[in-house]
Protein backbone atom coordinates (compact mmCIF):
# COMPACT_ATOMS: atom_id res chain seq x y z
CA UNK A 1 21.44 -29.06 9.78
CA UNK A 2 24.31 -27.20 8.14
CA UNK A 3 27.66 -26.81 9.89
CA UNK A 4 28.41 -23.42 8.36
CA UNK A 5 27.29 -19.87 8.90
CA UNK A 6 25.19 -18.22 6.21
CA UNK A 7 25.03 -14.44 6.03
CA UNK A 8 21.75 -12.56 5.75
CA UNK A 9 22.03 -11.02 2.29
CA UNK A 10 19.90 -9.00 -0.10
CA UNK A 11 17.72 -12.05 -0.82
CA UNK A 12 16.95 -12.96 2.80
CA UNK A 13 17.01 -9.45 4.29
CA UNK A 14 13.33 -8.73 3.47
CA UNK A 15 12.34 -11.76 5.57
CA UNK A 16 13.69 -9.94 8.65
CA UNK A 17 12.26 -6.50 8.08
CA UNK A 18 13.70 -4.83 11.18
CA UNK A 19 17.21 -5.31 9.79
CA UNK A 20 18.86 -3.09 7.21
CA UNK A 21 21.96 -3.29 5.04
CA UNK A 22 24.18 -2.00 7.85
CA UNK A 23 23.41 -5.07 9.98
CA UNK A 24 25.70 -8.09 9.78
CA UNK A 25 23.88 -11.25 10.82
CA UNK A 26 24.55 -14.96 10.31
CA UNK A 27 22.54 -18.13 10.86
CA UNK A 28 23.12 -21.89 10.81
CA UNK A 29 19.75 -23.47 10.01
CA UNK A 30 16.31 -22.47 8.78
CA UNK A 31 13.24 -22.85 10.98
CA UNK A 32 9.64 -22.97 9.76
CA UNK A 33 7.18 -21.87 12.43
CA UNK A 34 4.13 -24.04 13.14
CA UNK A 35 5.44 -26.79 10.84
CA UNK A 36 6.05 -29.31 13.63
CA UNK A 37 9.04 -31.24 15.00
CA UNK A 38 9.12 -33.63 12.06
CA UNK A 39 9.34 -30.94 9.38
CA UNK A 40 13.15 -30.67 9.53
CA UNK A 41 16.13 -31.28 11.79
CA UNK A 42 16.22 -27.55 12.53
CA UNK A 43 12.54 -27.51 13.49
CA UNK A 44 13.16 -30.42 15.85
CA UNK A 45 16.10 -28.57 17.43
CA UNK A 46 14.39 -25.20 17.82
CA UNK A 47 11.10 -26.50 19.16
CA UNK A 48 12.94 -28.53 21.79
CA UNK A 49 15.08 -25.51 22.67
CA UNK A 50 11.94 -23.46 23.24
CA UNK A 51 10.28 -25.90 25.64
CA UNK A 52 9.00 -23.64 28.46
CA UNK A 53 10.40 -23.87 31.96
CA UNK A 54 7.10 -25.11 33.43
CA UNK A 55 7.79 -28.48 31.77
CA UNK A 56 11.04 -29.01 33.65
CA UNK A 57 9.72 -31.92 35.74
CA UNK A 58 8.32 -33.84 32.77
CA UNK A 59 10.06 -36.71 30.93
CA UNK A 60 10.23 -34.59 27.76
CA UNK A 61 12.67 -32.18 29.46
CA UNK A 62 15.60 -34.34 28.38
CA UNK A 63 14.97 -33.17 24.82
CA UNK A 64 15.55 -29.55 25.80
CA UNK A 65 18.86 -30.52 27.38
CA UNK A 66 19.72 -32.41 24.18
CA UNK A 67 18.83 -29.38 22.06
CA UNK A 68 21.08 -27.08 24.12
CA UNK A 69 24.00 -29.50 23.66
CA UNK A 70 23.28 -29.89 19.96
CA UNK A 71 22.99 -26.13 19.34
CA UNK A 72 26.30 -25.55 21.13
CA UNK A 73 27.97 -28.25 19.05
CA UNK A 74 26.63 -26.82 15.81
CA UNK A 75 27.66 -23.29 16.73
CA UNK A 76 31.12 -24.35 17.87
CA UNK A 77 31.71 -26.12 14.55
CA UNK A 78 30.28 -23.29 12.46
CA UNK A 79 32.15 -20.39 14.08
CA UNK A 80 35.71 -19.67 12.87
CA UNK A 81 38.35 -20.46 15.48
CA UNK A 82 39.55 -16.83 15.57
CA UNK A 83 36.02 -15.66 16.44
CA UNK A 84 35.84 -18.13 19.33
CA UNK A 85 39.24 -16.95 20.52
CA UNK A 86 38.93 -13.17 20.23
CA UNK A 87 35.23 -12.19 20.18
CA UNK A 88 32.99 -11.43 23.15
CA UNK A 89 29.65 -13.25 23.03
CA UNK A 90 26.54 -11.49 24.40
CA UNK A 91 23.28 -13.49 24.71
CA UNK A 92 19.99 -11.79 23.93
CA UNK A 93 18.01 -11.69 27.21
CA UNK A 94 14.97 -13.99 27.31
CA UNK A 95 11.45 -12.66 27.69
CA UNK A 96 11.43 -13.20 31.47
CA UNK A 97 13.68 -11.54 34.04
CA UNK A 98 15.97 -13.69 36.20
CA UNK A 99 13.68 -13.66 39.23
CA UNK A 100 10.74 -15.05 37.26
CA UNK A 101 10.02 -18.78 37.57
CA UNK A 102 9.80 -19.00 33.78
CA UNK A 103 13.23 -17.41 33.20
CA UNK A 104 14.95 -19.49 30.50
CA UNK A 105 18.72 -19.14 30.09
CA UNK A 106 19.00 -21.56 27.15
CA UNK A 107 21.11 -19.15 25.07
CA UNK A 108 23.48 -18.56 27.98
CA UNK A 109 23.84 -22.33 28.37
CA UNK A 110 24.60 -22.72 24.67
CA UNK A 111 27.34 -20.10 24.87
CA UNK A 112 28.83 -21.59 28.02
CA UNK A 113 29.30 -24.85 26.12
CA UNK A 114 31.33 -23.28 23.31
CA UNK A 115 34.56 -24.14 25.09
CA UNK A 116 37.02 -23.06 27.74
CA UNK A 117 38.34 -19.54 27.33
CA UNK A 118 35.42 -18.23 25.25
CA UNK A 119 34.44 -14.76 26.51
CA UNK A 120 30.72 -14.95 27.36
CA UNK A 121 29.13 -12.01 29.17
CA UNK A 122 25.51 -11.41 30.15
CA UNK A 123 26.26 -7.73 29.67
CA UNK A 124 22.69 -6.83 28.68
CA UNK A 125 19.75 -7.61 30.94
CA UNK A 126 16.16 -6.44 30.96
CA UNK A 127 14.10 -4.69 33.58
CA UNK A 128 10.70 -6.35 33.21
CA UNK A 129 8.93 -9.35 31.70
CA UNK A 130 7.10 -9.44 28.39
CA UNK A 131 5.35 -12.21 26.47
CA UNK A 132 7.67 -14.35 24.37
CA UNK A 133 7.81 -13.11 20.78
CA UNK A 134 6.80 -16.44 19.24
CA UNK A 135 3.55 -16.28 21.21
CA UNK A 136 2.64 -12.68 20.45
CA UNK A 137 0.25 -11.41 17.80
CA UNK A 138 2.02 -8.03 17.77
CA UNK A 139 5.75 -8.24 18.38
CA UNK A 140 7.73 -5.61 20.24
CA UNK A 141 9.81 -3.33 18.05
CA UNK A 142 13.48 -2.37 18.52
CA UNK A 143 12.64 0.86 20.36
CA UNK A 144 10.33 -0.91 22.83
CA UNK A 145 12.91 -3.62 23.49
CA UNK A 146 15.67 -1.05 23.88
CA UNK A 147 13.68 0.60 26.67
CA UNK A 148 13.60 -2.75 28.52
CA UNK A 149 17.35 -3.34 28.26
CA UNK A 150 20.11 -2.15 30.54
CA UNK A 151 23.87 -2.60 30.60
CA UNK A 152 25.57 -4.48 33.41
CA UNK A 153 28.39 -1.98 33.91
CA UNK A 154 30.57 -4.38 35.91
CA UNK A 155 30.85 -6.55 32.79
CA UNK A 156 32.20 -3.81 30.51
CA UNK A 157 35.85 -4.57 31.23
CA UNK A 158 38.03 -5.57 29.56
CA UNK A 159 36.89 -3.74 26.42
CA UNK A 160 35.97 -6.31 23.73
CA UNK A 161 37.67 -6.39 20.35
CA UNK A 162 34.46 -7.50 18.67
CA UNK A 163 30.94 -8.33 19.85
CA UNK A 164 28.76 -11.26 18.78
CA UNK A 165 25.10 -11.04 19.77
CA UNK A 166 23.62 -14.54 19.96
CA UNK A 167 20.03 -15.78 19.98
CA UNK A 168 18.28 -19.00 19.04
CA UNK A 169 16.03 -17.70 16.24
CA UNK A 170 16.23 -14.61 14.02
CA UNK A 171 12.66 -13.49 13.30
CA UNK A 172 12.03 -9.81 12.53
CA UNK A 173 15.47 -8.71 13.73
CA UNK A 174 14.03 -6.43 16.44
CA UNK A 175 16.00 -7.99 19.28
CA UNK A 176 19.26 -7.71 17.37
CA UNK A 177 18.62 -4.05 16.54
CA UNK A 178 17.88 -3.23 20.19
CA UNK A 179 20.96 -5.13 21.35
CA UNK A 180 23.17 -3.50 18.74
CA UNK A 181 21.92 -0.06 19.76
CA UNK A 182 22.64 -0.47 23.47
CA UNK A 183 26.00 -2.12 22.82
CA UNK A 184 26.99 0.67 20.44
CA UNK A 185 26.39 3.10 23.31
CA UNK A 186 28.53 1.05 25.70
CA UNK A 187 31.23 0.23 23.13
CA UNK A 188 31.00 2.88 20.38
CA UNK A 189 34.06 1.69 18.46
CA UNK A 190 33.50 -2.07 18.68
CA UNK A 191 31.84 -3.89 15.75
CA UNK A 192 28.64 -5.84 16.52
CA UNK A 193 27.43 -8.85 14.52
CA UNK A 194 24.61 -11.30 15.14
CA UNK A 195 24.78 -15.11 15.13
CA UNK A 196 21.65 -17.27 15.33
CA UNK A 197 21.06 -20.99 15.63
CA UNK A 198 18.40 -20.54 12.94
CA UNK A 199 16.48 -17.96 11.00
CA UNK A 200 12.72 -18.16 10.66
CA UNK A 201 11.73 -18.57 7.05
CA UNK A 202 8.59 -16.71 5.92
CA UNK A 203 5.24 -18.48 5.84
CA UNK A 204 4.06 -18.01 2.29
CA UNK A 205 0.50 -19.11 1.40
């Protein structure tokens, strides 16, 4: 797995069709869906990250904990020191609300391991559950996700200098677009970029 950030550019933008040229998004690795753990180091990492919460009491759970540590290490090494020092990191909410037994805060845990003094805020939450995107035949679009999101107003201060939206996998880009929209309302003059542990590469025949 690479230790540098790669920007979504004109070659990779069509793979994430909800994004447009105004969106600034970066990724570390590339993930191939349904290719298995052994396909690549990134596949191994992402599939362990996505282990559902109902497996918490099984021996395999240690691999999810490993994946969270590994993702944090990779992100900490890939991000410029000035970003870690001055940016505010906002995790994309998971598909389940906090009161659900299947609520999975893996992205929050990754961000909390970036180091002391890093500004991490769960400033965007959601109001109801939906099926996880990787298990859906028809994925929710940015407008539908935006309607599920709300701002935690007590976390708006101090005003950030820059915002980094973080998720484990960039797929269509719908979550980033919804997050960017609601954060632009809360912080109209603050730039928003996306950082992902991996991007999903397209499944060509």
